[in-house]
PDB file of N, CA and C in Angstrom:
ATOM      1  N   MET A   1       0.702  -1.140   0.090  1.00  0.00           N
ATOM      2  CA  MET A   1      -0.249   0.389  -0.201  1.00  0.00           C
ATOM      3  C   MET A   1       0.628   1.277  -0.158  1.00  0.00           C
ATOM      4  N   GLN A   2       0.558   1.978  -0.995  1.00  0.00           N
ATOM      5  CA  GLN A   2       1.278   3.411  -0.392  1.00  0.00           C
ATOM      6  C   GLN A   2       1.313   4.462   0.252  1.00  0.00           C
ATOM      7  N   SER A   3       2.092   4.664   1.161  1.00  0.00           N
ATOM      8  CA  SER A   3       2.222   5.150   2.240  1.00  0.00           C
ATOM      9  C   SER A   3       1.128   6.424   2.015  1.00  0.00           C
ATOM     10  N   LYS A   4       0.372   7.341   1.072  1.00  0.00           N
ATOM     11  CA  LYS A   4      -0.293   8.148   1.226  1.00  0.00           C
ATOM     12  C   LYS A   4      -1.760   7.416   1.504  1.00  0.00           C
ATOM     13  N   LYS A   5      -2.266   6.564   1.090  1.00  0.00           N
ATOM     14  CA  LYS A   5      -2.751   5.555   1.178  1.00  0.00           C
ATOM     15  C   LYS A   5      -2.608   4.950   2.462  1.00  0.00           C
ATOM     16  N   LEU A   6      -2.253   4.521   3.433  1.00  0.00           N
ATOM     17  CA  LEU A   6      -1.562   4.164   4.915  1.00  0.00           C
ATOM     18  C   LEU A   6      -2.198   5.340   5.523  1.00  0.00           C
ATOM     19  N   ARG A   7      -1.753   6.518   5.342  1.00  0.00           N
ATOM     20  CA  ARG A   7      -2.089   7.922   5.999  1.00  0.00           C
ATOM     21  C   ARG A   7      -3.422   8.097   6.275  1.00  0.00           C
ATOM     22  N   ASP A   8      -3.905   7.908   4.749  1.00  0.00           N
ATOM     23  CA  ASP A   8      -5.400   8.116   5.120  1.00  0.00           C
ATOM     24  C   ASP A   8      -6.654   7.024   5.496  1.00  0.00           C
ATOM     25  N   LEU A   9      -6.091   6.057   5.084  1.00  0.00           N
ATOM     26  CA  LEU A   9      -6.647   4.758   6.252  1.00  0.00           C
ATOM     27  C   LEU A   9      -6.644   5.321   7.377  1.00  0.00           C
ATOM     28  N   ILE A  10      -5.607   5.174   8.448  1.00  0.00           N
ATOM     29  CA  ILE A  10      -5.453   5.252   9.702  1.00  0.00           C
ATOM     30  C   ILE A  10      -5.660   6.786  10.121  1.00  0.00           C
ATOM     31  N   VAL A  11      -6.104   7.659   9.607  1.00  0.00           N
ATOM     32  CA  VAL A  11      -6.802   8.972  10.050  1.00  0.00           C
ATOM     33  C   VAL A  11      -8.060   8.875   9.953  1.00  0.00           C
ATOM     34  N   THR A  12      -8.078   8.221   9.163  1.00  0.00           N
ATOM     35  CA  THR A  12     -10.244   7.575   8.583  1.00  0.00           C
ATOM     36  C   THR A  12     -10.393   6.755   9.752  1.00  0.00           C
ATOM     37  N   THR A  13      -9.650   5.443   9.958  1.00  0.00           N
ATOM     38  CA  THR A  13     -10.174   5.023  11.222  1.00  0.00           C
ATOM     39  C   THR A  13      -9.946   5.388  12.920  1.00  0.00           C
ATOM     40  N   LEU A  14      -8.593   6.598  12.870  1.00  0.00           N
ATOM     41  CA  LEU A  14      -8.856   7.145  14.151  1.00  0.00           C
ATOM     42  C   LEU A  14      -9.929   8.265  14.597  1.00  0.00           C
ATOM     43  N   GLU A  15     -10.428   8.638  13.230  1.00  0.00           N
ATOM     44  CA  GLU A  15     -11.522   9.803  13.168  1.00  0.00           C
ATOM     45  C   GLU A  15     -12.947   8.761  13.597  1.00  0.00           C
ATOM     46  N   GLU A  16     -12.863   7.106  13.404  1.00  0.00           N
ATOM     47  CA  GLU A  16     -14.065   6.418  13.471  1.00  0.00           C
ATOM     48  C   GLU A  16     -14.314   6.036  15.329  1.00  0.00           C
ATOM     49  N   LEU A  17     -12.854   6.083  15.704  1.00  0.00           N
ATOM     50  CA  LEU A  17     -12.050   5.739  17.017  1.00  0.00           C
ATOM     51  C   LEU A  17     -12.431   6.746  18.068  1.00  0.00           C
ATOM     52  N   LYS A  18     -13.379   8.426  17.354  1.00  0.00           N
ATOM     53  CA  LYS A  18     -13.126   9.432  18.065  1.00  0.00           C
ATOM     54  C   LYS A  18     -12.023  10.105  18.482  1.00  0.00           C
ATOM     55  N   ALA A  19     -10.614   9.423  18.026  1.00  0.00           N
ATOM     56  CA  ALA A  19      -9.652  10.686  18.127  1.00  0.00           C
ATOM     57  C   ALA A  19      -9.766  11.748  18.254  1.00  0.00           C
ATOM     58  N   GLN A  20      -9.124  12.474  19.021  1.00  0.00           N
ATOM     59  CA  GLN A  20      -8.812  14.094  19.346  1.00  0.00           C
ATOM     60  C   GLN A  20      -7.571  15.079  18.515  1.00  0.00           C
ATOM     61  N   GLU A  21      -7.939  15.902  18.009  1.00  0.00           N
ATOM     62  CA  GLU A  21      -7.147  16.698  17.354  1.00  0.00           C
ATOM     63  C   GLU A  21      -5.936  16.136  16.804  1.00  0.00           C
ATOM     64  N   ILE A  22      -6.197  15.163  15.352  1.00  0.00           N
ATOM     65  CA  ILE A  22      -5.251  14.151  14.857  1.00  0.00           C
ATOM     66  C   ILE A  22      -4.369  15.327  13.895  1.00  0.00           C
ATOM     67  N   THR A  23      -3.474  14.850  14.251  1.00  0.00           N
ATOM     68  CA  THR A  23      -2.144  15.412  12.832  1.00  0.00           C
ATOM     69  C   THR A  23      -1.439  14.292  12.255  1.00  0.00           C
ATOM     70  N   ALA A  24      -1.419  14.760  11.138  1.00  0.00           N
ATOM     71  CA  ALA A  24      -0.569  13.773  10.121  1.00  0.00           C
ATOM     72  C   ALA A  24       0.651  14.689   9.778  1.00  0.00           C
ATOM     73  N   LEU A  25       2.114  14.335  10.240  1.00  0.00           N
ATOM     74  CA  LEU A  25       3.047  15.325   9.327  1.00  0.00           C
ATOM     75  C   LEU A  25       3.797  14.247   8.059  1.00  0.00           C
ATOM     76  N   ASP A  26       4.340  15.071   7.236  1.00  0.00           N
ATOM     77  CA  ASP A  26       4.905  14.504   6.470  1.00  0.00           C
ATOM     78  C   ASP A  26       6.513  14.916   6.788  1.00  0.00           C
ATOM     79  N   VAL A  27       6.878  13.329   7.550  1.00  0.00           N
ATOM     80  CA  VAL A  27       8.450  13.790   7.783  1.00  0.00           C
ATOM     81  C   VAL A  27       9.128  13.167   6.921  1.00  0.00           C
ATOM     82  N   LYS A  28       8.778  13.363   5.844  1.00  0.00           N
ATOM     83  CA  LYS A  28       9.766  12.486   4.703  1.00  0.00           C
ATOM     84  C   LYS A  28      11.140  12.995   4.568  1.00  0.00           C
ATOM     85  N   LYS A  29      11.216  14.015   4.147  1.00  0.00           N
ATOM     86  CA  LYS A  29      12.225  15.411   4.391  1.00  0.00           C
ATOM     87  C   LYS A  29      13.436  14.807   5.142  1.00  0.00           C
ATOM     88  N   LEU A  30      12.793  14.469   6.704  1.00  0.00           N
ATOM     89  CA  LEU A  30      13.520  14.604   7.964  1.00  0.00           C
ATOM     90  C   LEU A  30      14.008  13.579   8.412  1.00  0.00           C
ATOM     91  N   THR A  31      13.062  12.527   7.996  1.00  0.00           N
ATOM     92  CA  THR A  31      13.847  11.194   8.479  1.00  0.00           C
ATOM     93  C   THR A  31      13.657  10.180   7.234  1.00  0.00           C
ATOM     94  N   ASP A  32      14.461   9.140   8.076  1.00  0.00           N
ATOM     95  CA  ASP A  32      14.246   7.544   6.605  1.00  0.00           C
ATOM     96  C   ASP A  32      13.709   6.834   7.160  1.00  0.00           C
ATOM     97  N   ILE A  33      12.989   6.657   8.862  1.00  0.00           N
ATOM     98  CA  ILE A  33      12.561   5.865   9.267  1.00  0.00           C
ATOM     99  C   ILE A  33      10.849   5.465   9.069  1.00  0.00           C
ATOM    100  N   THR A  34      10.192   6.760   8.178  1.00  0.00           N
ATOM    101  CA  THR A  34       9.177   6.565   8.327  1.00  0.00           C
ATOM    102  C   THR A  34       8.790   7.846   7.396  1.00  0.00           C
ATOM    103  N   ASP A  35       7.643   7.898   7.017  1.00  0.00           N
ATOM    104  CA  ASP A  35       7.221   8.784   5.930  1.00  0.00           C
ATOM    105  C   ASP A  35       6.220   9.750   6.573  1.00  0.00           C
ATOM    106  N   TYR A  36       5.384   8.957   7.537  1.00  0.00           N
ATOM    107  CA  TYR A  36       4.042   9.846   8.373  1.00  0.00           C
ATOM    108  C   TYR A  36       4.321   9.371   9.453  1.00  0.00           C
ATOM    109  N   MET A  37       4.579  10.610  10.651  1.00  0.00           N
ATOM    110  CA  MET A  37       4.171  10.527  11.687  1.00  0.00           C
ATOM    111  C   MET A  37       2.942  11.151  12.048  1.00  0.00           C
ATOM    112  N   ILE A  38       2.137  10.264  12.239  1.00  0.00           N
ATOM    113  CA  ILE A  38       0.401  10.611  12.720  1.00  0.00           C
ATOM    114  C   ILE A  38       0.098  10.615  14.401  1.00  0.00           C
ATOM    115  N   ILE A  39      -0.221  11.888  14.844  1.00  0.00           N
ATOM    116  CA  ILE A  39      -0.367  12.094  16.033  1.00  0.00           C
ATOM    117  C   ILE A  39      -1.887  12.068  16.976  1.00  0.00           C
ATOM    118  N   CYS A  40      -2.199  11.540  17.796  1.00  0.00           N
ATOM    119  CA  CYS A  40      -3.229  12.392  18.136  1.00  0.00           C
ATOM    120  C   CYS A  40      -3.535  11.905  19.820  1.00  0.00           C
ATOM    121  N   SER A  41      -4.746  12.660  19.921  1.00  0.00           N
ATOM    122  CA  SER A  41      -5.055  12.252  21.761  1.00  0.00           C
ATOM    123  C   SER A  41      -6.355  11.633  22.075  1.00  0.00           C
ATOM    124  N   GLY A  42      -6.390  10.902  23.091  1.00  0.00           N
ATOM    125  CA  GLY A  42      -7.568  10.246  23.387  1.00  0.00           C
ATOM    126  C   GLY A  42      -8.259  10.681  24.835  1.00  0.00           C
ATOM    127  N   THR A  43      -9.117  10.365  25.454  1.00  0.00           N
ATOM    128  CA  THR A  43      -9.879  11.223  26.271  1.00  0.00           C
ATOM    129  C   THR A  43      -9.480  10.206  27.586  1.00  0.00           C
ATOM    130  N   SER A  44      -8.563   9.541  27.689  1.00  0.00           N
ATOM    131  CA  SER A  44      -8.278   8.656  29.028  1.00  0.00           C
ATOM    132  C   SER A  44      -7.249   7.389  28.289  1.00  0.00           C
ATOM    133  N   SER A  45      -6.654   7.189  29.808  1.00  0.00           N
ATOM    134  CA  SER A  45      -5.795   6.190  29.343  1.00  0.00           C
ATOM    135  C   SER A  45      -6.615   5.110  28.545  1.00  0.00           C
ATOM    136  N   ARG A  46      -7.646   4.031  28.930  1.00  0.00           N
ATOM    137  CA  ARG A  46      -8.853   3.036  28.710  1.00  0.00           C
ATOM    138  C   ARG A  46      -8.515   3.817  27.012  1.00  0.00           C
ATOM    139  N   HIS A  47      -8.989   4.538  26.585  1.00  0.00           N
ATOM    140  CA  HIS A  47      -9.782   4.928  25.235  1.00  0.00           C
ATOM    141  C   HIS A  47      -8.138   4.998  23.999  1.00  0.00           C
ATOM    142  N   VAL A  48      -7.315   5.368  24.887  1.00  0.00           N
ATOM    143  CA  VAL A  48      -5.830   5.800  24.197  1.00  0.00           C
ATOM    144  C   VAL A  48      -5.380   4.008  23.800  1.00  0.00           C
ATOM    145  N   HIS A  49      -5.798   3.242  24.975  1.00  0.00           N
ATOM    146  CA  HIS A  49      -4.848   1.627  24.672  1.00  0.00           C
ATOM    147  C   HIS A  49      -6.210   1.286  23.669  1.00  0.00           C
ATOM    148  N   ALA A  50      -7.787   1.709  24.077  1.00  0.00           N
ATOM    149  CA  ALA A  50      -8.464   0.942  22.911  1.00  0.00           C
ATOM    150  C   ALA A  50      -8.401   1.316  21.221  1.00  0.00           C
ATOM    151  N   MET A  51      -8.067   2.330  21.240  1.00  0.00           N
ATOM    152  CA  MET A  51      -7.751   2.910  19.885  1.00  0.00           C
ATOM    153  C   MET A  51      -6.498   2.490  19.214  1.00  0.00           C
ATOM    154  N   GLY A  52      -5.149   2.410  20.407  1.00  0.00           N
ATOM    155  CA  GLY A  52      -4.512   1.282  19.567  1.00  0.00           C
ATOM    156  C   GLY A  52      -4.930   0.233  18.907  1.00  0.00           C
ATOM    157  N   LYS A  53      -5.464  -0.363  19.910  1.00  0.00           N
ATOM    158  CA  LYS A  53      -6.029  -2.127  19.738  1.00  0.00           C
ATOM    159  C   LYS A  53      -6.848  -2.208  18.447  1.00  0.00           C
ATOM    160  N   ASN A  54      -7.597  -1.043  18.287  1.00  0.00           N
ATOM    161  CA  ASN A  54      -8.815  -0.894  17.009  1.00  0.00           C
ATOM    162  C   ASN A  54      -8.529  -0.691  16.181  1.00  0.00           C
ATOM    163  N   LEU A  55      -7.128  -0.205  16.158  1.00  0.00           N
ATOM    164  CA  LEU A  55      -6.383   0.563  14.971  1.00  0.00           C
ATOM    165  C   LEU A  55      -5.822  -0.602  14.354  1.00  0.00           C
ATOM    166  N   ILE A  56      -5.156  -1.337  15.113  1.00  0.00           N
ATOM    167  CA  ILE A  56      -3.850  -2.224  14.928  1.00  0.00           C
ATOM    168  C   ILE A  56      -5.584  -3.583  14.008  1.00  0.00           C
ATOM    169  N   ASN A  57      -6.319  -4.149  14.945  1.00  0.00           N
ATOM    170  CA  ASN A  57      -7.479  -5.228  14.025  1.00  0.00           C
ATOM    171  C   ASN A  57      -8.030  -4.389  12.915  1.00  0.00           C
ATOM    172  N   LYS A  58      -8.411  -2.861  13.130  1.00  0.00           N
ATOM    173  CA  LYS A  58      -8.814  -2.546  11.840  1.00  0.00           C
ATOM    174  C   LYS A  58      -7.522  -3.023  10.192  1.00  0.00           C
ATOM    175  N   LEU A  59      -6.482  -2.333  10.479  1.00  0.00           N
ATOM    176  CA  LEU A  59      -5.316  -2.748   9.509  1.00  0.00           C
ATOM    177  C   LEU A  59      -5.341  -3.980   9.229  1.00  0.00           C
ATOM    178  N   LYS A  60      -5.377  -5.052  10.248  1.00  0.00           N
ATOM    179  CA  LYS A  60      -5.102  -6.137   9.620  1.00  0.00           C
ATOM    180  C   LYS A  60      -6.102  -6.828   9.023  1.00  0.00           C
ATOM    181  N   THR A  61      -7.241  -6.219   8.679  1.00  0.00           N
ATOM    182  CA  THR A  61      -8.198  -7.190   7.799  1.00  0.00           C
ATOM    183  C   THR A  61      -7.860  -5.934   6.123  1.00  0.00           C
ATOM    184  N   GLN A  62      -6.855  -5.030   6.360  1.00  0.00           N
ATOM    185  CA  GLN A  62      -6.201  -4.819   5.301  1.00  0.00           C
ATOM    186  C   GLN A  62      -5.208  -5.724   4.574  1.00  0.00           C
ATOM    187  N   GLN A  63      -5.345  -6.411   5.506  1.00  0.00           N
ATOM    188  CA  GLN A  63      -3.388  -7.253   5.211  1.00  0.00           C
ATOM    189  C   GLN A  63      -2.642  -6.508   5.811  1.00  0.00           C
ATOM    190  N   ILE A  64      -2.489  -5.132   6.558  1.00  0.00           N
ATOM    191  CA  ILE A  64      -1.355  -4.657   6.757  1.00  0.00           C
ATOM    192  C   ILE A  64      -0.923  -4.853   8.728  1.00  0.00           C
ATOM    193  N   ARG A  65      -0.014  -5.287   8.720  1.00  0.00           N
ATOM    194  CA  ARG A  65       0.428  -5.674  10.189  1.00  0.00           C
ATOM    195  C   ARG A  65       1.526  -4.621  10.713  1.00  0.00           C
ATOM    196  N   PRO A  66       1.096  -4.553  11.845  1.00  0.00           N
ATOM    197  CA  PRO A  66       2.303  -3.651  12.298  1.00  0.00           C
ATOM    198  C   PRO A  66       3.850  -3.709  12.945  1.00  0.00           C
ATOM    199  N   LEU A  67       4.862  -3.284  12.383  1.00  0.00           N
ATOM    200  CA  LEU A  67       5.928  -3.729  12.597  1.00  0.00           C
ATOM    201  C   LEU A  67       6.417  -3.404  14.111  1.00  0.00           C
ATOM    202  N   GLY A  68       6.018  -2.917  14.862  1.00  0.00           N
ATOM    203  CA  GLY A  68       5.833  -2.466  16.369  1.00  0.00           C
ATOM    204  C   GLY A  68       5.030  -2.058  16.992  1.00  0.00           C
ATOM    205  N   ILE A  69       4.463  -2.425  18.134  1.00  0.00           N
ATOM    206  CA  ILE A  69       4.009  -1.603  19.028  1.00  0.00           C
ATOM    207  C   ILE A  69       4.568  -1.316  20.676  1.00  0.00           C
ATOM    208  N   GLU A  70       4.311  -0.256  20.884  1.00  0.00           N
ATOM    209  CA  GLU A  70       4.836   0.032  22.327  1.00  0.00           C
ATOM    210  C   GLU A  70       3.873   0.428  22.970  1.00  0.00           C
ATOM    211  N   GLU A  71       3.803   0.425  24.094  1.00  0.00           N
ATOM    212  CA  GLU A  71       2.787   1.238  25.166  1.00  0.00           C
ATOM    213  C   GLU A  71       3.318   0.965  26.922  1.00  0.00           C
ATOM    214  N   GLU A  72       2.999   2.659  27.003  1.00  0.00           N
ATOM    215  CA  GLU A  72       3.470   3.471  28.544  1.00  0.00           C
ATOM    216  C   GLU A  72       2.441   2.010  29.605  1.00  0.00           C
ATOM    217  N   PRO A  73       3.304   2.021  30.734  1.00  0.00           N
ATOM    218  CA  PRO A  73       2.425   0.959  31.556  1.00  0.00           C
ATOM    219  C   PRO A  73       1.097   2.085  32.231  1.00  0.00           C
ATOM    220  N   ASN A  74       1.587   3.301  32.145  1.00  0.00           N
ATOM    221  CA  ASN A  74       0.289   3.905  33.055  1.00  0.00           C
ATOM    222  C   ASN A  74      -1.043   4.170  31.803  1.00  0.00           C
ATOM    223  N   GLY A  75      -0.845   3.768  30.465  1.00  0.00           N
ATOM    224  CA  GLY A  75      -1.518   4.100  29.230  1.00  0.00           C
ATOM    225  C   GLY A  75      -1.761   5.395  29.535  1.00  0.00           C
ATOM    226  N   SER A  76      -0.760   6.153  28.899  1.00  0.00           N
ATOM    227  CA  SER A  76      -0.750   7.529  28.832  1.00  0.00           C
ATOM    228  C   SER A  76      -0.464   7.910  27.365  1.00  0.00           C
ATOM    229  N   TRP A  77       0.596   6.406  26.667  1.00  0.00           N
ATOM    230  CA  TRP A  77       1.043   6.798  25.477  1.00  0.00           C
ATOM    231  C   TRP A  77       0.679   5.455  24.539  1.00  0.00           C
ATOM    232  N   THR A  78       0.371   4.755  23.357  1.00  0.00           N
ATOM    233  CA  THR A  78       0.806   4.047  22.921  1.00  0.00           C
ATOM    234  C   THR A  78       0.918   4.568  21.347  1.00  0.00           C
ATOM    235  N   LEU A  79       2.234   3.755  20.880  1.00  0.00           N
ATOM    236  CA  LEU A  79       2.707   4.307  19.846  1.00  0.00           C
ATOM    237  C   LEU A  79       2.370   2.563  18.836  1.00  0.00           C
ATOM    238  N   VAL A  80       2.251   2.929  17.901  1.00  0.00           N
ATOM    239  CA  VAL A  80       1.983   1.670  16.700  1.00  0.00           C
ATOM    240  C   VAL A  80       2.910   2.374  15.592  1.00  0.00           C
ATOM    241  N   ASP A  81       4.072   0.878  14.980  1.00  0.00           N
ATOM    242  CA  ASP A  81       4.673   1.475  13.790  1.00  0.00           C
ATOM    243  C   ASP A  81       4.485   0.734  12.725  1.00  0.00           C
ATOM    244  N   PHE A  82       3.953   1.372  11.720  1.00  0.00           N
ATOM    245  CA  PHE A  82       3.017   0.607  10.529  1.00  0.00           C
ATOM    246  C   PHE A  82       4.108   0.839   9.692  1.00  0.00           C
ATOM    247  N   THR A  83       5.888   1.084   9.812  1.00  0.00           N
ATOM    248  CA  THR A  83       6.911   1.039   8.780  1.00  0.00           C
ATOM    249  C   THR A  83       6.978   2.995   7.670  1.00  0.00           C
ATOM    250  N   ASP A  84       5.989   2.751   7.358  1.00  0.00           N
ATOM    251  CA  ASP A  84       5.402   3.838   6.438  1.00  0.00           C
ATOM    252  C   ASP A  84       4.452   5.062   6.832  1.00  0.00           C
ATOM    253  N   ALA A  85       4.207   4.726   8.326  1.00  0.00           N
ATOM    254  CA  ALA A  85       3.495   5.590   9.024  1.00  0.00           C
ATOM    255  C   ALA A  85       3.782   5.043  10.630  1.00  0.00           C
ATOM    256  N   VAL A  86       4.061   5.712  11.120  1.00  0.00           N
ATOM    257  CA  VAL A  86       4.167   5.470  13.305  1.00  0.00           C
ATOM    258  C   VAL A  86       3.158   6.765  13.691  1.00  0.00           C
ATOM    259  N   VAL A  87       2.101   5.977  14.246  1.00  0.00           N
ATOM    260  CA  VAL A  87       1.356   6.390  15.190  1.00  0.00           C
ATOM    261  C   VAL A  87       1.673   6.390  16.563  1.00  0.00           C
ATOM    262  N   HIS A  88       1.353   7.921  16.669  1.00  0.00           N
ATOM    263  CA  HIS A  88       1.437   8.188  18.112  1.00  0.00           C
ATOM    264  C   HIS A  88      -0.160   8.609  19.290  1.00  0.00           C
ATOM    265  N   ILE A  89      -0.844   7.583  20.136  1.00  0.00           N
ATOM    266  CA  ILE A  89      -2.019   7.778  20.303  1.00  0.00           C
ATOM    267  C   ILE A  89      -1.257   8.501  22.258  1.00  0.00           C
ATOM    268  N   MET A  90      -1.808   9.672  22.535  1.00  0.00           N
ATOM    269  CA  MET A  90      -1.377   9.578  23.935  1.00  0.00           C
ATOM    270  C   MET A  90      -2.804  10.731  24.412  1.00  0.00           C
ATOM    271  N   LEU A  91      -2.213  10.726  25.600  1.00  0.00           N
ATOM    272  CA  LEU A  91      -3.312  11.702  26.806  1.00  0.00           C
ATOM    273  C   LEU A  91      -2.836  13.135  26.310  1.00  0.00           C
ATOM    274  N   PRO A  92      -3.594  13.659  26.429  1.00  0.00           N
ATOM    275  CA  PRO A  92      -3.593  14.827  26.320  1.00  0.00           C
ATOM    276  C   PRO A  92      -2.705  15.797  26.858  1.00  0.00           C
ATOM    277  N   GLU A  93      -2.400  15.689  28.054  1.00  0.00           N
ATOM    278  CA  GLU A  93      -1.224  15.885  28.971  1.00  0.00           C
ATOM    279  C   GLU A  93       0.630  15.661  28.419  1.00  0.00           C
ATOM    280  N   THR A  94       0.447  14.382  28.155  1.00  0.00           N
ATOM    281  CA  THR A  94       1.569  13.565  27.961  1.00  0.00           C
ATOM    282  C   THR A  94       1.982  14.338  26.136  1.00  0.00           C
ATOM    283  N   ARG A  95       1.019  14.842  24.990  1.00  0.00           N
ATOM    284  CA  ARG A  95       0.998  15.180  24.165  1.00  0.00           C
ATOM    285  C   ARG A  95       1.599  16.385  24.458  1.00  0.00           C
ATOM    286  N   GLU A  96       0.825  17.315  25.396  1.00  0.00           N
ATOM    287  CA  GLU A  96       1.768  18.950  25.334  1.00  0.00           C
ATOM    288  C   GLU A  96       3.312  18.780  25.921  1.00  0.00           C
ATOM    289  N   LEU A  97       3.556  17.774  26.886  1.00  0.00           N
ATOM    290  CA  LEU A  97       4.599  17.447  27.398  1.00  0.00           C
ATOM    291  C   LEU A  97       5.525  17.241  26.132  1.00  0.00           C
ATOM    292  N   TYR A  98       5.592  16.567  25.669  1.00  0.00           N
ATOM    293  CA  TYR A  98       6.353  15.765  24.215  1.00  0.00           C
ATOM    294  C   TYR A  98       6.777  16.328  23.387  1.00  0.00           C
ATOM    295  N   ASN A  99       5.005  17.502  22.827  1.00  0.00           N
ATOM    296  CA  ASN A  99       5.414  18.173  21.472  1.00  0.00           C
ATOM    297  C   ASN A  99       6.105  17.637  20.649  1.00  0.00           C
ATOM    298  N   LEU A 100       5.492  16.721  20.135  1.00  0.00           N
ATOM    299  CA  LEU A 100       6.016  15.835  18.734  1.00  0.00           C
ATOM    300  C   LEU A 100       6.431  17.118  17.652  1.00  0.00           C
ATOM    301  N   GLU A 101       5.462  17.511  17.248  1.00  0.00           N
ATOM    302  CA  GLU A 101       5.182  18.597  16.364  1.00  0.00           C
ATOM    303  C   GLU A 101       6.339  19.111  16.594  1.00  0.00           C
ATOM    304  N   LYS A 102       6.370  20.086  17.351  1.00  0.00           N
ATOM    305  CA  LYS A 102       7.750  21.214  17.659  1.00  0.00           C
ATOM    306  C   LYS A 102       9.104  19.888  17.424  1.00  0.00           C
ATOM    307  N   LEU A 103       9.322  18.978  17.974  1.00  0.00           N
ATOM    308  CA  LEU A 103      10.393  18.238  18.149  1.00  0.00           C
ATOM    309  C   LEU A 103      10.838  17.982  16.632  1.00  0.00           C
ATOM    310  N   TRP A 104       9.815  17.714  15.673  1.00  0.00           N
ATOM    311  CA  TRP A 104      10.209  17.456  14.552  1.00  0.00           C
ATOM    312  C   TRP A 104      10.275  18.318  13.925  1.00  0.00           C
ATOM    313  N   ALA A 105       9.619  20.000  14.208  1.00  0.00           N
ATOM    314  CA  ALA A 105      10.122  20.979  13.103  1.00  0.00           C
ATOM    315  C   ALA A 105       9.401  20.862  12.097  1.00  0.00           C
ATOM    316  N   VAL A 106       8.569  20.962  12.362  1.00  0.00           N
ATOM    317  CA  VAL A 106       7.018  21.103  11.406  1.00  0.00           C
ATOM    318  C   VAL A 106       6.034  21.621  11.483  1.00  0.00           C
ATOM    319  N   ASP A 107       6.470  22.843  10.644  1.00  0.00           N
ATOM    320  CA  ASP A 107       5.003  23.975  11.023  1.00  0.00           C
ATOM    321  C   ASP A 107       3.404  23.617  10.652  1.00  0.00           C
ATOM    322  N   ARG A 108       3.114  23.006  12.353  1.00  0.00           N
ATOM    323  CA  ARG A 108       1.736  22.882  11.696  1.00  0.00           C
ATOM    324  C   ARG A 108       0.660  23.329  11.186  1.00  0.00           C
ATOM    325  N   ALA A 109       1.072  24.248  10.915  1.00  0.00           N
ATOM    326  CA  ALA A 109       0.138  25.162   9.260  1.00  0.00           C
ATOM    327  C   ALA A 109      -0.233  24.289   7.885  1.00  0.00           C
ATOM    328  N   LYS A 110       1.728  23.324   7.879  1.00  0.00           N
ATOM    329  CA  LYS A 110       2.233  22.958   6.441  1.00  0.00           C
ATOM    330  C   LYS A 110       1.426  21.483   6.782  1.00  0.00           C
ATOM    331  N   SER A 111       1.027  20.946   7.709  1.00  0.00           N
ATOM    332  CA  SER A 111       0.765  19.543   8.458  1.00  0.00           C
ATOM    333  C   SER A 111      -0.691  19.563   8.201  1.00  0.00           C
ATOM    334  N   GLN A 112      -0.947  17.744   7.571  1.00  0.00           N
ATOM    335  CA  GLN A 112      -2.337  17.626   6.853  1.00  0.00           C
ATOM    336  C   GLN A 112      -3.099  16.549   8.239  1.00  0.00           C
ATOM    337  N   ARG A 113      -3.936  17.747   9.132  1.00  0.00           N
ATOM    338  CA  ARG A 113      -4.888  17.164  10.162  1.00  0.00           C
ATOM    339  C   ARG A 113      -5.715  16.178   9.781  1.00  0.00           C
ATOM    340  N   THR A 114      -5.925  16.246   8.497  1.00  0.00           N
ATOM    341  CA  THR A 114      -7.230  14.940   7.946  1.00  0.00           C
ATOM    342  C   THR A 114      -6.316  14.871   6.593  1.00  0.00           C
ATOM    343  N   GLN A 115      -7.427  13.978   6.040  1.00  0.00           N
ATOM    344  CA  GLN A 115      -7.270  13.450   4.248  1.00  0.00           C
ATOM    345  C   GLN A 115      -6.971  14.834   3.671  1.00  0.00           C
ATOM    346  N   GLU A 116      -6.132  15.037   2.490  1.00  0.00           N
ATOM    347  CA  GLU A 116      -6.184  15.756   1.608  1.00  0.00           C
ATOM    348  C   GLU A 116      -7.508  15.965   0.548  1.00  0.00           C
TER     349      GLU A 116
END
């Protein structure tokens, strides 16, 4: 699957799962590890965990399996690596603390919040 189609599938799935403040950053020019960094927030640690689990299950139906999955023990952050897209699902306070958008030095105005 092309990386843009993967990004769109992930964003659509996260929208269906009631993710908040979805941001899809195009990081192709910044790193070789992935094409897109997708960041969103959940309303609780249970919501963060459930979104990660349901995202994985949804993409498995499309024969897309994650390369890796990592979760914080306290449920504040779930990371799912689909190779061409890395998904960060975080509690709002965790997202604010790590501020990945700033870390990756991407102008938020240029980032894609939803599908093109």
